């Protein structure tokens, strides 16, 4: 069995958790304009843009490279949680499992945090661990959080 692991981090955010969750759940179409230095395009292939089980592709730039990530979305409105289950794309060339889970957690009336969890399993042990993708996801949350706080 190949190496697997889990990364977790919390990102503090200004504004209500529900506001941030809504952007990530229902407003992916604004990402290229809001954080175009990261996200170039988001395409919904199946389902509605905010529906449980929808499939979408993300075209993004990370570490100077253009990449694609195709995922199936799991939505949990009660817990303000989105899970992106990796299906295809650059990261999936080296990983059998790549799941990114965003949980938006209320802190005070006008602050919240996003708990990011990445669950991964390599295809082969000689492939590197995907730690840079945690940095990337953290920067997405931070940058989108700045955008949301201006809106």
N, C-alpha and C. Protein backbone atom coordinates (compact mmCIF):
# COMPACT_ATOMS: atom_id res chain seq x y z
N UNK A 1 0.84 -1.18 0.00
CA UNK A 1 0.00 0.00 0.00
C UNK A 1 0.88 1.24 0.00
N UNK A 2 0.50 2.22 -0.81
CA UNK A 2 1.27 3.45 -0.93
C UNK A 2 1.02 4.36 0.28
N UNK A 3 1.91 5.30 0.46
CA UNK A 3 1.82 6.25 1.56
C UNK A 3 0.57 7.11 1.44
N UNK A 4 -0.05 7.39 2.59
CA UNK A 4 -1.21 8.26 2.63
C UNK A 4 -1.09 9.17 3.83
N UNK A 5 -1.93 10.19 3.86
CA UNK A 5 -1.88 11.10 5.00
C UNK A 5 -3.01 12.11 4.98
N UNK A 6 -2.99 12.94 5.98
CA UNK A 6 -3.98 13.99 6.14
C UNK A 6 -3.27 15.26 6.60
N UNK A 7 -3.59 16.37 5.96
CA UNK A 7 -3.12 17.68 6.39
C UNK A 7 -4.33 18.46 6.89
N UNK A 8 -4.13 19.27 7.94
CA UNK A 8 -5.20 20.13 8.44
C UNK A 8 -4.62 21.47 8.86
N UNK A 9 -5.40 22.52 8.62
CA UNK A 9 -5.03 23.85 9.08
C UNK A 9 -6.29 24.67 9.24
N UNK A 10 -6.22 25.71 10.07
CA UNK A 10 -7.31 26.66 10.25
C UNK A 10 -6.87 28.02 9.73
N UNK A 11 -7.77 28.66 8.99
CA UNK A 11 -7.49 29.98 8.43
C UNK A 11 -8.50 30.96 9.03
N UNK A 12 -8.04 31.97 9.80
CA UNK A 12 -8.97 32.96 10.34
C UNK A 12 -9.54 33.84 9.22
N UNK A 13 -10.82 34.20 9.34
CA UNK A 13 -11.49 35.01 8.33
C UNK A 13 -12.28 36.13 8.99
N UNK A 14 -12.37 37.25 8.30
CA UNK A 14 -13.26 38.33 8.72
C UNK A 14 -14.61 38.08 8.06
N UNK A 15 -15.67 38.27 8.83
CA UNK A 15 -17.01 38.08 8.28
C UNK A 15 -17.61 36.76 8.73
N UNK A 16 -18.90 36.66 8.52
CA UNK A 16 -19.66 35.49 8.95
C UNK A 16 -19.28 34.25 8.15
N UNK A 17 -19.26 33.12 8.83
CA UNK A 17 -18.94 31.84 8.19
C UNK A 17 -19.90 31.55 7.04
N UNK A 18 -21.18 31.88 7.21
CA UNK A 18 -22.19 31.64 6.18
C UNK A 18 -21.87 32.39 4.89
N UNK A 19 -21.36 33.60 5.02
CA UNK A 19 -21.00 34.41 3.85
C UNK A 19 -19.87 33.74 3.06
N UNK A 20 -18.86 33.27 3.76
CA UNK A 20 -17.73 32.61 3.09
C UNK A 20 -18.18 31.28 2.48
N UNK A 21 -18.96 30.53 3.22
CA UNK A 21 -19.48 29.25 2.72
C UNK A 21 -20.27 29.46 1.43
N UNK A 22 -21.12 30.47 1.40
CA UNK A 22 -21.93 30.75 0.21
C UNK A 22 -21.05 31.02 -1.01
N UNK A 23 -19.98 31.79 -0.82
CA UNK A 23 -19.07 32.07 -1.95
C UNK A 23 -18.48 30.78 -2.50
N UNK A 24 -18.03 29.91 -1.59
CA UNK A 24 -17.40 28.66 -2.02
C UNK A 24 -18.41 27.67 -2.57
N UNK A 25 -19.61 27.67 -2.03
CA UNK A 25 -20.63 26.72 -2.49
C UNK A 25 -21.28 27.17 -3.79
N UNK A 26 -21.68 28.44 -3.88
CA UNK A 26 -22.58 28.88 -4.94
C UNK A 26 -22.00 29.90 -5.91
N UNK A 27 -20.85 30.46 -5.61
CA UNK A 27 -20.37 31.58 -6.42
C UNK A 27 -18.99 31.34 -7.03
N UNK A 28 -18.72 30.11 -7.42
CA UNK A 28 -17.41 29.81 -8.02
C UNK A 28 -17.17 30.59 -9.31
N UNK A 29 -18.24 31.00 -9.98
CA UNK A 29 -18.10 31.76 -11.23
C UNK A 29 -17.39 33.10 -11.03
N UNK A 30 -17.38 33.64 -9.80
CA UNK A 30 -16.69 34.91 -9.57
C UNK A 30 -15.21 34.73 -9.28
N UNK A 31 -14.76 33.51 -9.03
CA UNK A 31 -13.37 33.28 -8.64
C UNK A 31 -12.35 33.80 -9.66
N UNK A 32 -12.55 33.57 -10.98
CA UNK A 32 -11.55 34.09 -11.92
C UNK A 32 -11.38 35.62 -11.84
N UNK A 33 -12.47 36.35 -11.59
CA UNK A 33 -12.37 37.80 -11.44
C UNK A 33 -11.83 38.18 -10.07
N UNK A 34 -12.24 37.46 -9.04
CA UNK A 34 -11.85 37.81 -7.67
C UNK A 34 -10.41 37.42 -7.35
N UNK A 35 -10.01 36.23 -7.77
CA UNK A 35 -8.65 35.74 -7.47
C UNK A 35 -8.04 35.11 -8.73
N UNK A 36 -8.06 35.88 -9.81
CA UNK A 36 -7.58 35.42 -11.10
C UNK A 36 -6.11 35.05 -11.14
N UNK A 37 -5.33 35.54 -10.17
CA UNK A 37 -3.93 35.14 -10.10
C UNK A 37 -3.80 33.67 -9.71
N UNK A 38 -4.87 33.08 -9.15
CA UNK A 38 -4.91 31.66 -8.82
C UNK A 38 -5.84 30.89 -9.76
N UNK A 39 -7.09 31.31 -9.81
CA UNK A 39 -8.13 30.57 -10.53
C UNK A 39 -8.38 31.22 -11.88
N UNK A 40 -8.22 30.45 -12.95
CA UNK A 40 -8.41 30.97 -14.30
C UNK A 40 -9.82 30.70 -14.81
N UNK A 41 -10.39 29.56 -14.42
CA UNK A 41 -11.72 29.19 -14.92
C UNK A 41 -12.29 28.08 -14.04
N UNK A 42 -13.62 28.09 -13.90
CA UNK A 42 -14.33 27.02 -13.21
C UNK A 42 -15.47 26.59 -14.13
N UNK A 43 -15.51 25.31 -14.47
CA UNK A 43 -16.52 24.79 -15.39
C UNK A 43 -17.32 23.70 -14.69
N UNK A 44 -18.65 23.86 -14.69
CA UNK A 44 -19.53 22.83 -14.13
C UNK A 44 -19.87 21.86 -15.26
N UNK A 45 -19.58 20.57 -15.05
CA UNK A 45 -19.83 19.55 -16.06
C UNK A 45 -21.15 18.83 -15.84
N UNK A 46 -21.50 18.60 -14.58
CA UNK A 46 -22.74 17.89 -14.23
C UNK A 46 -23.35 18.55 -13.01
N UNK A 47 -24.69 18.61 -12.98
CA UNK A 47 -25.39 19.16 -11.84
C UNK A 47 -25.43 20.67 -11.87
N UNK A 48 -26.05 21.22 -10.83
CA UNK A 48 -26.12 22.67 -10.67
C UNK A 48 -24.85 23.15 -9.98
N UNK A 49 -24.54 24.42 -10.13
CA UNK A 49 -23.27 24.93 -9.60
C UNK A 49 -23.15 24.77 -8.09
N UNK A 50 -24.27 24.72 -7.37
CA UNK A 50 -24.18 24.62 -5.91
C UNK A 50 -24.74 23.31 -5.37
N UNK A 51 -24.92 22.32 -6.24
CA UNK A 51 -25.59 21.09 -5.81
C UNK A 51 -24.63 20.01 -5.34
N UNK A 52 -25.13 19.21 -4.41
CA UNK A 52 -24.41 18.04 -3.94
C UNK A 52 -24.25 17.08 -5.13
N UNK A 53 -23.05 16.56 -5.33
CA UNK A 53 -22.80 15.61 -6.41
C UNK A 53 -22.43 16.25 -7.73
N UNK A 54 -22.41 17.58 -7.80
CA UNK A 54 -22.02 18.22 -9.06
C UNK A 54 -20.55 17.95 -9.34
N UNK A 55 -20.20 18.00 -10.61
CA UNK A 55 -18.81 17.77 -11.05
C UNK A 55 -18.34 19.02 -11.77
N UNK A 56 -17.15 19.47 -11.39
CA UNK A 56 -16.59 20.68 -12.01
C UNK A 56 -15.09 20.54 -12.19
N UNK A 57 -14.56 21.37 -13.09
CA UNK A 57 -13.12 21.46 -13.30
C UNK A 57 -12.66 22.86 -12.93
N UNK A 58 -11.51 22.89 -12.29
CA UNK A 58 -10.85 24.14 -11.92
C UNK A 58 -9.57 24.26 -12.75
N UNK A 59 -9.43 25.34 -13.50
CA UNK A 59 -8.17 25.67 -14.16
C UNK A 59 -7.50 26.70 -13.28
N UNK A 60 -6.27 26.42 -12.85
CA UNK A 60 -5.60 27.27 -11.88
C UNK A 60 -4.11 27.34 -12.16
N UNK A 61 -3.49 28.31 -11.52
CA UNK A 61 -2.04 28.47 -11.59
C UNK A 61 -1.48 28.27 -10.20
N UNK A 62 -0.50 27.38 -10.09
CA UNK A 62 0.17 27.17 -8.82
C UNK A 62 1.64 26.92 -9.07
N UNK A 63 2.46 27.62 -8.33
CA UNK A 63 3.91 27.47 -8.43
C UNK A 63 4.38 27.70 -9.86
N UNK A 64 3.73 28.67 -10.54
CA UNK A 64 4.12 29.04 -11.90
C UNK A 64 3.63 28.10 -12.98
N UNK A 65 2.82 27.11 -12.63
CA UNK A 65 2.33 26.13 -13.61
C UNK A 65 0.81 26.19 -13.74
N UNK A 66 0.35 26.04 -14.97
CA UNK A 66 -1.08 25.92 -15.23
C UNK A 66 -1.49 24.47 -14.96
N UNK A 67 -2.52 24.28 -14.15
CA UNK A 67 -2.98 22.94 -13.82
C UNK A 67 -4.50 22.88 -13.88
N UNK A 68 -5.02 21.64 -13.88
CA UNK A 68 -6.46 21.40 -13.90
C UNK A 68 -6.77 20.40 -12.78
N UNK A 69 -7.91 20.61 -12.13
CA UNK A 69 -8.40 19.70 -11.10
C UNK A 69 -9.88 19.47 -11.34
N UNK A 70 -10.26 18.23 -11.60
CA UNK A 70 -11.67 17.88 -11.77
C UNK A 70 -12.13 17.18 -10.51
N UNK A 71 -13.28 17.64 -9.96
CA UNK A 71 -13.73 17.14 -8.67
C UNK A 71 -15.23 16.91 -8.65
N UNK A 72 -15.63 16.05 -7.72
CA UNK A 72 -17.03 15.83 -7.42
C UNK A 72 -17.29 16.44 -6.05
N UNK A 73 -18.33 17.23 -5.97
CA UNK A 73 -18.60 18.03 -4.79
C UNK A 73 -19.60 17.36 -3.85
N UNK A 74 -19.27 17.41 -2.56
CA UNK A 74 -20.21 17.00 -1.52
C UNK A 74 -20.53 18.23 -0.68
N UNK A 75 -21.82 18.49 -0.47
CA UNK A 75 -22.29 19.69 0.20
C UNK A 75 -22.98 19.31 1.50
N UNK A 76 -22.60 20.00 2.58
CA UNK A 76 -23.24 19.80 3.88
C UNK A 76 -23.59 21.18 4.43
N UNK A 77 -24.81 21.66 4.10
CA UNK A 77 -25.23 23.00 4.51
C UNK A 77 -25.31 23.15 6.02
N UNK A 78 -25.73 22.11 6.70
CA UNK A 78 -25.88 22.18 8.16
C UNK A 78 -24.55 22.48 8.86
N UNK A 79 -23.47 21.88 8.36
CA UNK A 79 -22.14 22.08 8.96
C UNK A 79 -21.26 23.03 8.18
N UNK A 80 -21.85 23.74 7.19
CA UNK A 80 -21.11 24.70 6.36
C UNK A 80 -19.83 24.08 5.80
N UNK A 81 -19.98 22.88 5.23
CA UNK A 81 -18.83 22.11 4.78
C UNK A 81 -18.96 21.72 3.31
N UNK A 82 -17.88 21.88 2.57
CA UNK A 82 -17.77 21.42 1.19
C UNK A 82 -16.62 20.44 1.11
N UNK A 83 -16.85 19.33 0.45
CA UNK A 83 -15.78 18.36 0.19
C UNK A 83 -15.61 18.24 -1.31
N UNK A 84 -14.39 18.40 -1.78
CA UNK A 84 -14.06 18.25 -3.20
C UNK A 84 -13.30 16.95 -3.35
N UNK A 85 -13.91 15.96 -3.98
CA UNK A 85 -13.31 14.65 -4.16
C UNK A 85 -12.62 14.62 -5.52
N UNK A 86 -11.30 14.47 -5.53
CA UNK A 86 -10.53 14.49 -6.76
C UNK A 86 -10.89 13.35 -7.70
N UNK A 87 -11.12 13.69 -8.98
CA UNK A 87 -11.43 12.71 -10.01
C UNK A 87 -10.33 12.61 -11.05
N UNK A 88 -9.90 13.76 -11.55
CA UNK A 88 -8.88 13.82 -12.61
C UNK A 88 -8.06 15.09 -12.44
N UNK A 89 -7.00 15.19 -13.23
CA UNK A 89 -6.20 16.40 -13.24
C UNK A 89 -4.77 16.13 -12.84
N UNK A 90 -3.99 17.20 -12.81
CA UNK A 90 -2.55 17.10 -12.56
C UNK A 90 -2.23 16.41 -11.25
N UNK A 91 -2.87 16.82 -10.17
CA UNK A 91 -2.58 16.23 -8.86
C UNK A 91 -2.92 14.74 -8.84
N UNK A 92 -3.93 14.33 -9.63
CA UNK A 92 -4.36 12.94 -9.64
C UNK A 92 -3.41 12.02 -10.42
N UNK A 93 -2.44 12.61 -11.12
CA UNK A 93 -1.44 11.79 -11.81
C UNK A 93 -0.56 11.05 -10.80
N UNK A 94 -0.35 11.65 -9.64
CA UNK A 94 0.51 11.04 -8.63
C UNK A 94 -0.25 10.53 -7.42
N UNK A 95 -1.54 10.87 -7.34
CA UNK A 95 -2.32 10.49 -6.17
C UNK A 95 -3.54 9.66 -6.56
N UNK A 96 -3.83 8.63 -5.76
CA UNK A 96 -5.06 7.84 -5.93
C UNK A 96 -6.22 8.57 -5.28
N UNK A 97 -5.94 9.21 -4.15
CA UNK A 97 -6.96 9.94 -3.39
C UNK A 97 -6.46 11.36 -3.16
N UNK A 98 -7.32 12.32 -3.45
CA UNK A 98 -7.03 13.71 -3.12
C UNK A 98 -8.36 14.39 -2.84
N UNK A 99 -8.69 14.52 -1.57
CA UNK A 99 -9.94 15.14 -1.14
C UNK A 99 -9.61 16.39 -0.35
N UNK A 100 -10.27 17.49 -0.71
CA UNK A 100 -10.10 18.76 0.00
C UNK A 100 -11.43 19.09 0.66
N UNK A 101 -11.39 19.31 1.96
CA UNK A 101 -12.60 19.60 2.73
C UNK A 101 -12.46 20.98 3.36
N UNK A 102 -13.44 21.83 3.07
CA UNK A 102 -13.49 23.17 3.65
C UNK A 102 -14.66 23.23 4.61
N UNK A 103 -14.40 23.53 5.88
CA UNK A 103 -15.47 23.72 6.85
C UNK A 103 -15.37 25.14 7.40
N UNK A 104 -16.43 25.91 7.20
CA UNK A 104 -16.47 27.30 7.64
C UNK A 104 -17.12 27.34 9.02
N UNK A 105 -16.38 27.85 10.00
CA UNK A 105 -16.76 27.76 11.40
C UNK A 105 -16.98 29.16 11.97
N UNK A 106 -18.19 29.45 12.49
CA UNK A 106 -18.43 30.75 13.13
C UNK A 106 -17.58 30.89 14.39
N UNK A 107 -17.03 32.08 14.60
CA UNK A 107 -16.27 32.36 15.82
C UNK A 107 -17.00 33.41 16.65
N UNK A 108 -17.15 34.60 16.08
CA UNK A 108 -17.93 35.67 16.70
C UNK A 108 -18.94 36.13 15.66
N UNK A 109 -19.65 37.20 15.97
CA UNK A 109 -20.65 37.71 15.02
C UNK A 109 -20.02 38.12 13.69
N UNK A 110 -18.79 38.61 13.72
CA UNK A 110 -18.17 39.08 12.48
C UNK A 110 -16.81 38.45 12.19
N UNK A 111 -16.54 37.29 12.79
CA UNK A 111 -15.33 36.55 12.45
C UNK A 111 -15.66 35.06 12.35
N UNK A 112 -14.82 34.38 11.61
CA UNK A 112 -15.00 32.93 11.42
C UNK A 112 -13.64 32.35 11.06
N UNK A 113 -13.63 31.06 10.78
CA UNK A 113 -12.41 30.43 10.29
C UNK A 113 -12.81 29.36 9.29
N UNK A 114 -11.84 28.97 8.51
CA UNK A 114 -12.03 27.85 7.59
C UNK A 114 -11.04 26.76 7.98
N UNK A 115 -11.59 25.62 8.33
CA UNK A 115 -10.75 24.46 8.60
C UNK A 115 -10.58 23.73 7.27
N UNK A 116 -9.35 23.63 6.82
CA UNK A 116 -9.03 22.92 5.58
C UNK A 116 -8.44 21.58 5.95
N UNK A 117 -8.99 20.52 5.38
CA UNK A 117 -8.47 19.17 5.56
C UNK A 117 -8.19 18.60 4.18
N UNK A 118 -7.01 18.10 3.99
CA UNK A 118 -6.66 17.41 2.74
C UNK A 118 -6.32 15.97 3.09
N UNK A 119 -7.03 15.06 2.46
CA UNK A 119 -6.79 13.62 2.63
C UNK A 119 -6.21 13.12 1.32
N UNK A 120 -5.08 12.43 1.40
CA UNK A 120 -4.39 12.00 0.18
C UNK A 120 -3.81 10.61 0.32
N UNK A 121 -3.62 9.99 -0.84
CA UNK A 121 -2.92 8.71 -0.92
C UNK A 121 -2.15 8.69 -2.23
N UNK A 122 -0.85 8.42 -2.14
CA UNK A 122 0.01 8.38 -3.33
C UNK A 122 -0.25 7.13 -4.15
N UNK A 123 -0.03 7.24 -5.45
CA UNK A 123 -0.08 6.07 -6.33
C UNK A 123 1.14 5.18 -6.13
N UNK A 124 2.31 5.82 -5.94
CA UNK A 124 3.56 5.11 -5.70
C UNK A 124 4.32 5.84 -4.60
N UNK A 125 5.03 5.09 -3.78
CA UNK A 125 5.75 5.69 -2.66
C UNK A 125 6.80 6.71 -3.09
N UNK A 126 7.35 6.56 -4.29
CA UNK A 126 8.41 7.48 -4.72
C UNK A 126 7.89 8.87 -5.10
N UNK A 127 6.57 9.01 -5.27
CA UNK A 127 6.01 10.33 -5.56
C UNK A 127 6.09 11.20 -4.30
N UNK A 128 6.28 12.53 -4.48
CA UNK A 128 6.37 13.41 -3.30
C UNK A 128 5.00 13.58 -2.63
N UNK A 129 5.05 13.91 -1.34
CA UNK A 129 3.81 14.24 -0.64
C UNK A 129 3.26 15.55 -1.21
N UNK A 130 1.94 15.71 -1.23
CA UNK A 130 1.34 16.90 -1.84
C UNK A 130 1.22 18.11 -0.90
N UNK A 131 2.25 18.35 -0.10
CA UNK A 131 2.18 19.43 0.90
C UNK A 131 2.00 20.80 0.28
N UNK A 132 2.52 21.02 -0.92
CA UNK A 132 2.37 22.34 -1.54
C UNK A 132 0.90 22.65 -1.85
N UNK A 133 0.09 21.61 -2.01
CA UNK A 133 -1.33 21.86 -2.27
C UNK A 133 -2.06 22.39 -1.04
N UNK A 134 -1.57 22.11 0.14
CA UNK A 134 -2.15 22.73 1.34
C UNK A 134 -1.83 24.22 1.33
N UNK A 135 -0.60 24.57 0.98
CA UNK A 135 -0.25 25.99 0.89
C UNK A 135 -1.13 26.69 -0.14
N UNK A 136 -1.35 26.03 -1.27
CA UNK A 136 -2.19 26.59 -2.32
C UNK A 136 -3.63 26.79 -1.82
N UNK A 137 -4.21 25.78 -1.20
CA UNK A 137 -5.58 25.89 -0.71
C UNK A 137 -5.71 26.96 0.37
N UNK A 138 -4.71 27.05 1.22
CA UNK A 138 -4.72 28.09 2.24
C UNK A 138 -4.70 29.47 1.59
N UNK A 139 -3.88 29.65 0.56
CA UNK A 139 -3.82 30.95 -0.12
C UNK A 139 -5.13 31.25 -0.84
N UNK A 140 -5.82 30.23 -1.35
CA UNK A 140 -7.14 30.46 -1.97
C UNK A 140 -8.13 30.99 -0.94
N UNK A 141 -8.17 30.36 0.23
CA UNK A 141 -9.09 30.79 1.29
C UNK A 141 -8.77 32.21 1.75
N UNK A 142 -7.49 32.49 1.99
CA UNK A 142 -7.07 33.82 2.43
C UNK A 142 -7.45 34.87 1.39
N UNK A 143 -7.10 34.65 0.12
CA UNK A 143 -7.35 35.63 -0.92
C UNK A 143 -8.84 35.81 -1.19
N UNK A 144 -9.60 34.72 -1.18
CA UNK A 144 -11.04 34.83 -1.36
C UNK A 144 -11.67 35.50 -0.14
N UNK A 145 -11.10 35.26 1.04
CA UNK A 145 -11.57 35.93 2.24
C UNK A 145 -11.38 37.44 2.17
N UNK A 146 -10.25 37.87 1.63
CA UNK A 146 -10.03 39.32 1.43
C UNK A 146 -11.05 39.89 0.47
N UNK A 147 -11.32 39.15 -0.60
CA UNK A 147 -12.31 39.59 -1.58
C UNK A 147 -13.70 39.68 -0.94
N UNK A 148 -14.08 38.68 -0.17
CA UNK A 148 -15.40 38.64 0.47
C UNK A 148 -15.56 39.77 1.48
N UNK A 149 -14.47 40.11 2.18
CA UNK A 149 -14.57 41.17 3.20
C UNK A 149 -14.74 42.55 2.57
N UNK A 150 -14.37 42.69 1.30
CA UNK A 150 -14.56 43.96 0.58
C UNK A 150 -15.96 44.07 0.01
N UNK A 151 -16.62 42.93 -0.20
CA UNK A 151 -17.93 42.93 -0.86
C UNK A 151 -19.03 43.38 0.07
